[in-house]
Amino acid sequence: GYSKNQKAAKDFLRWFHSEKIYDQWFTTQQGFSVGPTKMWENHKLWKDDPVMAPFRTAAESGRFAGYAGPANRKAAEVISKYILIDMYAKAVQGTAPEDAVKWAHAELVKIYA
């Protein structure tokens, strides 16, 4: 295992994910966190701010970084460097879409090569 304190770690996870405790944390996120189970799609906070309502079911269509490939260090690097976001920004700011895609492709090749 990864820890000499596996029992304590498991106990903490059980405690944190108990409905009473997790509800407090989930509420403080104000919709900026996706619930780990469908039960959280019915939480009252989704009615508090209509702007956040579309995120209520984000877990159904959300994907990990790197999807459909593995969620690994390379995928995390792509996210942390904002490559896909910058590709769209370049196109919106006047770069020809084809050139924006070529730029992003070159950046991805540097990471995944």
N, C-alpha and C. Protein backbone atom coordinates (compact mmCIF):
# COMPACT_ATOMS: atom_id res chain seq x y z
N GLY A 1 0.80 -1.19 0.00
CA GLY A 1 0.00 0.00 0.00
C GLY A 1 0.85 1.26 0.00
N TYR A 2 0.20 2.37 -0.14
CA TYR A 2 0.87 3.67 -0.20
C TYR A 2 1.09 4.29 1.18
N SER A 3 0.48 3.73 2.18
CA SER A 3 0.55 4.36 3.50
C SER A 3 0.72 3.31 4.59
N LYS A 4 1.42 3.72 5.63
CA LYS A 4 1.53 2.86 6.82
C LYS A 4 0.27 3.01 7.67
N ASN A 5 -0.54 3.99 7.36
CA ASN A 5 -1.74 4.29 8.14
C ASN A 5 -3.00 4.03 7.32
N GLN A 6 -3.09 2.87 6.71
CA GLN A 6 -4.21 2.59 5.83
C GLN A 6 -5.55 2.62 6.55
N LYS A 7 -5.60 2.10 7.77
CA LYS A 7 -6.87 2.12 8.50
C LYS A 7 -7.31 3.56 8.75
N ALA A 8 -6.39 4.41 9.19
CA ALA A 8 -6.74 5.81 9.45
C ALA A 8 -7.19 6.50 8.16
N ALA A 9 -6.52 6.21 7.06
CA ALA A 9 -6.90 6.81 5.77
C ALA A 9 -8.30 6.37 5.36
N LYS A 10 -8.57 5.09 5.50
CA LYS A 10 -9.90 4.58 5.14
C LYS A 10 -10.97 5.16 6.06
N ASP A 11 -10.65 5.27 7.35
CA ASP A 11 -11.60 5.86 8.30
C ASP A 11 -11.89 7.32 7.93
N PHE A 12 -10.84 8.06 7.55
CA PHE A 12 -11.04 9.45 7.15
C PHE A 12 -11.94 9.54 5.92
N LEU A 13 -11.68 8.70 4.92
CA LEU A 13 -12.50 8.74 3.70
C LEU A 13 -13.95 8.40 3.99
N ARG A 14 -14.17 7.41 4.87
CA ARG A 14 -15.55 7.07 5.24
C ARG A 14 -16.22 8.26 5.93
N TRP A 15 -15.49 8.90 6.85
CA TRP A 15 -16.03 10.05 7.57
C TRP A 15 -16.32 11.19 6.61
N PHE A 16 -15.35 11.56 5.79
CA PHE A 16 -15.52 12.70 4.88
C PHE A 16 -16.67 12.48 3.91
N HIS A 17 -16.83 11.26 3.45
CA HIS A 17 -17.88 10.97 2.47
C HIS A 17 -19.21 10.57 3.10
N SER A 18 -19.29 10.65 4.43
CA SER A 18 -20.59 10.43 5.05
C SER A 18 -21.49 11.59 4.62
N GLU A 19 -22.76 11.33 4.50
CA GLU A 19 -23.65 12.35 3.94
C GLU A 19 -23.61 13.65 4.73
N LYS A 20 -23.59 13.57 6.05
CA LYS A 20 -23.60 14.77 6.89
C LYS A 20 -22.38 15.65 6.63
N ILE A 21 -21.21 15.07 6.60
CA ILE A 21 -19.97 15.84 6.42
C ILE A 21 -19.82 16.29 4.97
N TYR A 22 -20.02 15.37 4.04
CA TYR A 22 -19.85 15.71 2.63
C TYR A 22 -20.82 16.80 2.21
N ASP A 23 -22.03 16.78 2.77
CA ASP A 23 -23.02 17.81 2.45
C ASP A 23 -22.49 19.20 2.79
N GLN A 24 -21.82 19.33 3.92
CA GLN A 24 -21.26 20.63 4.31
C GLN A 24 -20.23 21.10 3.28
N TRP A 25 -19.36 20.18 2.88
CA TRP A 25 -18.33 20.53 1.90
C TRP A 25 -18.97 20.85 0.55
N PHE A 26 -19.89 20.01 0.11
CA PHE A 26 -20.55 20.17 -1.18
C PHE A 26 -21.26 21.52 -1.25
N THR A 27 -21.92 21.89 -0.17
CA THR A 27 -22.64 23.15 -0.12
C THR A 27 -21.68 24.34 -0.27
N THR A 28 -20.52 24.26 0.36
CA THR A 28 -19.57 25.38 0.26
C THR A 28 -19.03 25.53 -1.16
N GLN A 29 -19.11 24.50 -1.97
CA GLN A 29 -18.61 24.57 -3.35
C GLN A 29 -19.56 25.32 -4.28
N GLN A 30 -20.79 25.52 -3.85
CA GLN A 30 -21.80 26.31 -4.57
C GLN A 30 -21.99 25.88 -6.03
N GLY A 31 -21.84 24.59 -6.30
CA GLY A 31 -22.04 24.09 -7.65
C GLY A 31 -20.77 23.95 -8.46
N PHE A 32 -19.64 24.34 -7.88
CA PHE A 32 -18.37 24.23 -8.61
C PHE A 32 -17.72 22.86 -8.42
N SER A 33 -18.43 21.94 -7.81
CA SER A 33 -17.94 20.57 -7.67
C SER A 33 -19.05 19.63 -8.11
N VAL A 34 -18.69 18.59 -8.81
CA VAL A 34 -19.67 17.61 -9.27
C VAL A 34 -19.82 16.54 -8.20
N GLY A 35 -21.03 16.23 -7.84
CA GLY A 35 -21.27 15.19 -6.84
C GLY A 35 -20.81 13.83 -7.33
N PRO A 36 -20.29 13.00 -6.43
CA PRO A 36 -19.76 11.70 -6.84
C PRO A 36 -20.83 10.66 -7.16
N THR A 37 -22.06 10.90 -6.76
CA THR A 37 -23.15 9.97 -7.08
C THR A 37 -24.37 10.78 -7.55
N LYS A 38 -25.32 10.09 -8.16
CA LYS A 38 -26.52 10.76 -8.69
C LYS A 38 -27.33 11.43 -7.59
N MET A 39 -27.20 10.94 -6.35
CA MET A 39 -27.94 11.52 -5.24
C MET A 39 -27.71 13.04 -5.15
N TRP A 40 -26.48 13.46 -5.45
CA TRP A 40 -26.13 14.87 -5.30
C TRP A 40 -26.72 15.74 -6.41
N GLU A 41 -27.27 15.14 -7.44
CA GLU A 41 -27.94 15.91 -8.49
C GLU A 41 -29.24 16.52 -7.97
N ASN A 42 -29.76 15.99 -6.88
CA ASN A 42 -31.01 16.48 -6.31
C ASN A 42 -30.79 17.41 -5.12
N HIS A 43 -29.56 17.80 -4.88
CA HIS A 43 -29.24 18.66 -3.74
C HIS A 43 -29.90 20.03 -3.92
N LYS A 44 -30.29 20.63 -2.80
CA LYS A 44 -30.99 21.92 -2.84
C LYS A 44 -30.16 23.05 -3.42
N LEU A 45 -28.84 22.95 -3.38
CA LEU A 45 -28.02 24.07 -3.87
C LEU A 45 -28.23 24.35 -5.35
N TRP A 46 -28.65 23.33 -6.12
CA TRP A 46 -28.85 23.56 -7.55
C TRP A 46 -30.01 24.50 -7.82
N LYS A 47 -30.90 24.67 -6.84
CA LYS A 47 -32.03 25.59 -7.00
C LYS A 47 -31.67 27.00 -6.51
N ASP A 48 -30.59 27.12 -5.74
CA ASP A 48 -30.20 28.41 -5.18
C ASP A 48 -29.67 29.38 -6.22
N ASP A 49 -28.97 28.87 -7.22
CA ASP A 49 -28.37 29.73 -8.24
C ASP A 49 -28.64 29.12 -9.61
N PRO A 50 -29.62 29.65 -10.34
CA PRO A 50 -29.99 29.08 -11.63
C PRO A 50 -28.84 29.04 -12.64
N VAL A 51 -27.86 29.92 -12.48
CA VAL A 51 -26.71 29.94 -13.39
C VAL A 51 -25.93 28.63 -13.29
N MET A 52 -25.92 28.03 -12.11
CA MET A 52 -25.16 26.80 -11.90
C MET A 52 -25.94 25.54 -12.29
N ALA A 53 -27.22 25.67 -12.53
CA ALA A 53 -28.07 24.51 -12.81
C ALA A 53 -27.55 23.59 -13.91
N PRO A 54 -26.98 24.10 -14.99
CA PRO A 54 -26.49 23.19 -16.04
C PRO A 54 -25.40 22.22 -15.56
N PHE A 55 -24.73 22.56 -14.46
CA PHE A 55 -23.65 21.71 -13.96
C PHE A 55 -24.17 20.58 -13.07
N ARG A 56 -25.45 20.61 -12.77
CA ARG A 56 -26.05 19.60 -11.89
C ARG A 56 -25.79 18.19 -12.39
N THR A 57 -25.84 17.98 -13.69
CA THR A 57 -25.65 16.64 -14.25
C THR A 57 -24.33 16.51 -15.01
N ALA A 58 -23.36 17.32 -14.65
CA ALA A 58 -22.07 17.33 -15.36
C ALA A 58 -21.37 15.98 -15.32
N ALA A 59 -21.58 15.21 -14.27
CA ALA A 59 -20.90 13.91 -14.17
C ALA A 59 -21.32 12.95 -15.29
N GLU A 60 -22.52 13.13 -15.81
CA GLU A 60 -23.00 12.25 -16.88
C GLU A 60 -22.20 12.39 -18.16
N SER A 61 -21.73 13.59 -18.44
CA SER A 61 -21.03 13.81 -19.71
C SER A 61 -19.59 14.28 -19.54
N GLY A 62 -19.18 14.50 -18.31
CA GLY A 62 -17.81 14.95 -18.07
C GLY A 62 -16.80 13.86 -18.39
N ARG A 63 -15.61 14.27 -18.69
CA ARG A 63 -14.53 13.34 -19.01
C ARG A 63 -13.26 13.78 -18.30
N PHE A 64 -12.43 12.80 -17.93
CA PHE A 64 -11.14 13.11 -17.33
C PHE A 64 -10.20 13.67 -18.39
N ALA A 65 -9.24 14.44 -17.94
CA ALA A 65 -8.22 14.95 -18.85
C ALA A 65 -7.58 13.78 -19.59
N GLY A 66 -7.45 13.92 -20.89
CA GLY A 66 -6.85 12.86 -21.69
C GLY A 66 -7.85 11.95 -22.37
N TYR A 67 -9.14 12.02 -21.98
CA TYR A 67 -10.14 11.15 -22.58
C TYR A 67 -10.11 11.32 -24.10
N ALA A 68 -10.13 10.31 -24.86
CA ALA A 68 -10.38 8.90 -24.64
C ALA A 68 -9.12 8.11 -24.33
N GLY A 69 -8.03 8.78 -24.15
CA GLY A 69 -6.80 8.14 -23.72
C GLY A 69 -6.70 8.14 -22.21
N PRO A 70 -5.55 7.79 -21.69
CA PRO A 70 -5.39 7.72 -20.23
C PRO A 70 -5.29 9.11 -19.59
N ALA A 71 -5.77 9.21 -18.38
CA ALA A 71 -5.62 10.45 -17.59
C ALA A 71 -4.26 10.38 -16.92
N ASN A 72 -3.24 10.84 -17.61
CA ASN A 72 -1.88 10.70 -17.10
C ASN A 72 -1.17 12.05 -17.04
N ARG A 73 0.13 12.01 -16.78
CA ARG A 73 0.93 13.22 -16.64
C ARG A 73 0.90 14.08 -17.91
N LYS A 74 0.94 13.42 -19.06
CA LYS A 74 0.93 14.17 -20.32
C LYS A 74 -0.40 14.90 -20.50
N ALA A 75 -1.48 14.23 -20.19
CA ALA A 75 -2.80 14.87 -20.30
C ALA A 75 -2.89 16.05 -19.33
N ALA A 76 -2.34 15.88 -18.14
CA ALA A 76 -2.34 16.97 -17.16
C ALA A 76 -1.52 18.16 -17.65
N GLU A 77 -0.42 17.87 -18.34
CA GLU A 77 0.40 18.95 -18.89
C GLU A 77 -0.36 19.75 -19.94
N VAL A 78 -1.10 19.04 -20.79
CA VAL A 78 -1.90 19.72 -21.81
C VAL A 78 -2.91 20.66 -21.14
N ILE A 79 -3.55 20.18 -20.09
CA ILE A 79 -4.52 21.01 -19.37
C ILE A 79 -3.82 22.20 -18.71
N SER A 80 -2.71 21.94 -18.03
CA SER A 80 -2.04 23.01 -17.27
C SER A 80 -1.44 24.08 -18.18
N LYS A 81 -1.16 23.74 -19.42
CA LYS A 81 -0.63 24.72 -20.37
C LYS A 81 -1.73 25.39 -21.20
N TYR A 82 -2.97 25.03 -20.94
CA TYR A 82 -4.13 25.66 -21.60
C TYR A 82 -4.06 25.57 -23.13
N ILE A 83 -3.52 24.49 -23.64
CA ILE A 83 -3.32 24.38 -25.09
C ILE A 83 -4.64 24.43 -25.86
N LEU A 84 -5.61 23.65 -25.44
CA LEU A 84 -6.89 23.64 -26.17
C LEU A 84 -7.63 24.96 -25.99
N ILE A 85 -7.56 25.53 -24.82
CA ILE A 85 -8.20 26.82 -24.58
C ILE A 85 -7.54 27.89 -25.44
N ASP A 86 -6.21 27.87 -25.48
CA ASP A 86 -5.49 28.85 -26.30
C ASP A 86 -5.77 28.67 -27.79
N MET A 87 -5.99 27.42 -28.21
CA MET A 87 -6.33 27.17 -29.60
C MET A 87 -7.62 27.92 -29.96
N TYR A 88 -8.63 27.76 -29.11
CA TYR A 88 -9.89 28.47 -29.36
C TYR A 88 -9.70 29.98 -29.28
N ALA A 89 -8.92 30.43 -28.30
CA ALA A 89 -8.68 31.87 -28.15
C ALA A 89 -8.02 32.44 -29.40
N LYS A 90 -7.04 31.72 -29.93
CA LYS A 90 -6.36 32.19 -31.14
C LYS A 90 -7.36 32.35 -32.29
N ALA A 91 -8.23 31.37 -32.45
CA ALA A 91 -9.22 31.43 -33.53
C ALA A 91 -10.19 32.59 -33.32
N VAL A 92 -10.63 32.78 -32.09
CA VAL A 92 -11.56 33.87 -31.79
C VAL A 92 -10.91 35.23 -32.01
N GLN A 93 -9.61 35.30 -31.76
CA GLN A 93 -8.89 36.57 -31.88
C GLN A 93 -8.39 36.85 -33.29
N GLY A 94 -8.75 35.98 -34.24
CA GLY A 94 -8.44 36.29 -35.63
C GLY A 94 -7.50 35.34 -36.35
N THR A 95 -6.86 34.42 -35.63
CA THR A 95 -6.04 33.43 -36.31
C THR A 95 -6.96 32.52 -37.12
N ALA A 96 -6.54 32.17 -38.31
CA ALA A 96 -7.35 31.24 -39.11
C ALA A 96 -7.54 29.95 -38.31
N PRO A 97 -8.76 29.42 -38.26
CA PRO A 97 -9.00 28.21 -37.49
C PRO A 97 -8.03 27.07 -37.82
N GLU A 98 -7.72 26.92 -39.10
CA GLU A 98 -6.79 25.86 -39.51
C GLU A 98 -5.41 26.08 -38.88
N ASP A 99 -4.99 27.33 -38.81
CA ASP A 99 -3.69 27.65 -38.21
C ASP A 99 -3.70 27.44 -36.70
N ALA A 100 -4.82 27.77 -36.07
CA ALA A 100 -4.95 27.55 -34.63
C ALA A 100 -4.85 26.06 -34.31
N VAL A 101 -5.50 25.24 -35.13
CA VAL A 101 -5.44 23.79 -34.93
C VAL A 101 -4.03 23.28 -35.18
N LYS A 102 -3.37 23.76 -36.20
CA LYS A 102 -1.98 23.35 -36.47
C LYS A 102 -1.07 23.71 -35.30
N TRP A 103 -1.26 24.90 -34.76
CA TRP A 103 -0.47 25.31 -33.60
C TRP A 103 -0.69 24.36 -32.43
N ALA A 104 -1.97 24.08 -32.12
CA ALA A 104 -2.29 23.19 -31.01
C ALA A 104 -1.72 21.79 -31.26
N HIS A 105 -1.83 21.32 -32.47
CA HIS A 105 -1.29 20.01 -32.81
C HIS A 105 0.21 19.96 -32.55
N ALA A 106 0.92 20.99 -32.96
CA ALA A 106 2.37 21.04 -32.74
C ALA A 106 2.70 21.02 -31.24
N GLU A 107 1.90 21.74 -30.45
CA GLU A 107 2.13 21.76 -29.00
C GLU A 107 1.86 20.39 -28.39
N LEU A 108 0.82 19.72 -28.86
CA LEU A 108 0.50 18.39 -28.35
C LEU A 108 1.58 17.38 -28.73
N VAL A 109 2.11 17.49 -29.93
CA VAL A 109 3.18 16.59 -30.36
C VAL A 109 4.40 16.74 -29.46
N LYS A 110 4.71 17.97 -29.06
CA LYS A 110 5.84 18.19 -28.15
C LYS A 110 5.66 17.43 -26.84
N ILE A 111 4.43 17.37 -26.37
CA ILE A 111 4.15 16.72 -25.09
C ILE A 111 4.05 15.21 -25.25
N TYR A 112 3.35 14.76 -26.26
CA TYR A 112 3.09 13.33 -26.41
C TYR A 112 4.15 12.57 -27.19
N ALA A 113 5.13 13.26 -27.78
CA ALA A 113 6.17 12.57 -28.57
C ALA A 113 7.12 11.80 -27.67
